[in-house]
C-alpha atoms as a PDB file:
ATOM      1  CA  UNK A   1       0.000   0.000   0.000  1.00  0.00           C
ATOM      2  CA  UNK A   2       1.388   3.373  -0.939  1.00  0.00           C
ATOM      3  CA  UNK A   3       0.965   6.667   0.889  1.00  0.00           C
ATOM      4  CA  UNK A   4      -1.178   7.763  -2.053  1.00  0.00           C
ATOM      5  CA  UNK A   5      -3.813   5.040  -1.621  1.00  0.00           C
ATOM      6  CA  UNK A   6      -5.675   6.506   1.404  1.00  0.00           C
ATOM      7  CA  UNK A   7      -5.930   9.810  -0.455  1.00  0.00           C
ATOM      8  CA  UNK A   8      -7.222   7.978  -3.538  1.00  0.00           C
ATOM      9  CA  UNK A   9      -9.895   6.319  -1.415  1.00  0.00           C
ATOM     10  CA  UNK A  10     -10.907   9.695  -0.014  1.00  0.00           C
ATOM     11  CA  UNK A  11     -10.928  11.258  -3.475  1.00  0.00           C
ATOM     12  CA  UNK A  12     -13.086   8.399  -4.715  1.00  0.00           C
ATOM     13  CA  UNK A  13     -15.517   8.794  -1.821  1.00  0.00           C
ATOM     14  CA  UNK A  14     -15.772  12.559  -2.366  1.00  0.00           C
ATOM     15  CA  UNK A  15     -16.201  12.139  -6.117  1.00  0.00           C
ATOM     16  CA  UNK A  16     -18.942   9.553  -5.635  1.00  0.00           C
ATOM     17  CA  UNK A  17     -20.711  11.745  -3.058  1.00  0.00           C
ATOM     18  CA  UNK A  18     -20.527  14.700  -5.460  1.00  0.00           C
ATOM     19  CA  UNK A  19     -21.855  12.733  -8.446  1.00  0.00           C
ATOM     20  CA  UNK A  20     -24.518  10.677  -6.667  1.00  0.00           C
ATOM     21  CA  UNK A  21     -25.838  13.141  -4.094  1.00  0.00           C
ATOM     22  CA  UNK A  22     -24.760  16.739  -4.500  1.00  0.00           C
ATOM     23  CA  UNK A  23     -25.165  17.173  -8.271  1.00  0.00           C
ATOM     24  CA  UNK A  24     -28.713  15.709  -8.293  1.00  0.00           C
ATOM     25  CA  UNK A  25     -29.650  18.006  -5.397  1.00  0.00           C
ATOM     26  CA  UNK A  26     -28.307  21.030  -7.257  1.00  0.00           C
ATOM     27  CA  UNK A  27     -30.217  20.019 -10.400  1.00  0.00           C
ATOM     28  CA  UNK A  28     -33.456  19.760  -8.409  1.00  0.00           C
ATOM     29  CA  UNK A  29     -32.745  23.068  -6.664  1.00  0.00           C
ATOM     30  CA  UNK A  30     -32.218  24.878  -9.971  1.00  0.00           C
ATOM     31  CA  UNK A  31     -35.516  23.474 -11.277  1.00  0.00           C
ATOM     32  CA  UNK A  32     -37.426  25.249  -8.494  1.00  0.00           C
ATOM     33  CA  UNK A  33     -38.498  28.636  -9.866  1.00  0.00           C
ATOM     34  CA  UNK A  34     -37.655  30.358  -6.581  1.00  0.00           C
ATOM     35  CA  UNK A  35     -37.074  34.020  -7.149  1.00  0.00           C
ATOM     36  CA  UNK A  36     -36.708  37.065  -5.001  1.00  0.00           C
ATOM     37  CA  UNK A  37     -39.979  38.622  -3.781  1.00  0.00           C
ATOM     38  CA  UNK A  38     -39.005  41.580  -5.973  1.00  0.00           C
ATOM     39  CA  UNK A  39     -39.563  39.336  -9.013  1.00  0.00           C
ATOM     40  CA  UNK A  40     -42.481  37.380  -7.556  1.00  0.00           C
ATOM     41  CA  UNK A  41     -44.723  39.489  -5.320  1.00  0.00           C
ATOM     42  CA  UNK A  42     -46.849  36.377  -4.656  1.00  0.00           C
ATOM     43  CA  UNK A  43     -43.854  34.327  -3.527  1.00  0.00           C
ATOM     44  CA  UNK A  44     -45.643  33.067  -0.430  1.00  0.00           C
ATOM     45  CA  UNK A  45     -48.697  31.860  -2.369  1.00  0.00           C
ATOM     46  CA  UNK A  46     -46.589  30.249  -5.092  1.00  0.00           C
ATOM     47  CA  UNK A  47     -44.489  28.373  -2.537  1.00  0.00           C
ATOM     48  CA  UNK A  48     -41.320  28.139  -4.621  1.00  0.00           C
ATOM     49  CA  UNK A  49     -39.038  29.762  -2.046  1.00  0.00           C
ATOM     50  CA  UNK A  50     -40.511  27.487   0.628  1.00  0.00           C
ATOM     51  CA  UNK A  51     -39.839  24.457  -1.609  1.00  0.00           C
ATOM     52  CA  UNK A  52     -36.199  25.518  -2.016  1.00  0.00           C
ATOM     53  CA  UNK A  53     -35.808  25.978   1.748  1.00  0.00           C
ATOM     54  CA  UNK A  54     -37.430  22.588   2.411  1.00  0.00           C
ATOM     55  CA  UNK A  55     -35.133  20.842  -0.067  1.00  0.00           C
ATOM     56  CA  UNK A  56     -31.998  22.395   1.444  1.00  0.00           C
ATOM     57  CA  UNK A  57     -33.215  21.649   4.979  1.00  0.00           C
ATOM     58  CA  UNK A  58     -33.872  17.978   4.190  1.00  0.00           C
ATOM     59  CA  UNK A  59     -30.507  17.526   2.484  1.00  0.00           C
ATOM     60  CA  UNK A  60     -28.576  19.081   5.360  1.00  0.00           C
ATOM     61  CA  UNK A  61     -30.539  16.990   7.869  1.00  0.00           C
ATOM     62  CA  UNK A  62     -29.600  13.778   6.018  1.00  0.00           C
ATOM     63  CA  UNK A  63     -25.902  14.600   6.427  1.00  0.00           C
ATOM     64  CA  UNK A  64     -26.198  13.781  10.131  1.00  0.00           C
ATOM     65  CA  UNK A  65     -23.144  15.773  11.181  1.00  0.00           C
ATOM     66  CA  UNK A  66     -22.488  15.150  14.858  1.00  0.00           C
ATOM     67  CA  UNK A  67     -23.172  18.270  16.917  1.00  0.00           C
ATOM     68  CA  UNK A  68     -24.796  20.136  14.041  1.00  0.00           C
ATOM     69  CA  UNK A  69     -27.812  22.319  14.729  1.00  0.00           C
ATOM     70  CA  UNK A  70     -30.186  23.131  11.900  1.00  0.00           C
ATOM     71  CA  UNK A  71     -32.915  25.718  12.083  1.00  0.00           C
ATOM     72  CA  UNK A  72     -35.009  27.615   9.565  1.00  0.00           C
ATOM     73  CA  UNK A  73     -35.921  31.026  10.940  1.00  0.00           C
ATOM     74  CA  UNK A  74     -39.140  32.569   9.721  1.00  0.00           C
ATOM     75  CA  UNK A  75     -39.924  36.217  10.310  1.00  0.00           C
ATOM     76  CA  UNK A  76     -43.353  37.619   9.624  1.00  0.00           C
ATOM     77  CA  UNK A  77     -43.574  39.059   6.098  1.00  0.00           C
ATOM     78  CA  UNK A  78     -40.057  37.952   5.259  1.00  0.00           C
ATOM     79  CA  UNK A  79     -38.686  35.094   3.194  1.00  0.00           C
ATOM     80  CA  UNK A  80     -37.453  32.107   5.190  1.00  0.00           C
END
């Protein structure tokens, strides 16, 4: 075993994670027509920004990072 092999294993793991998890999440995120309230005055009714927040929240939650805290803060009349 060479000193390079552990790094290769890590590179392979990262590459696989990128291709199998992160890229599909980014593709789905881009498909959501979430725009600034300046472009979509009915952003709350349309729910696109909420869908984008929900997708990001669920992905982060699945990462299960020890000690991580995850919270979506909602202020009245403001985007999440």
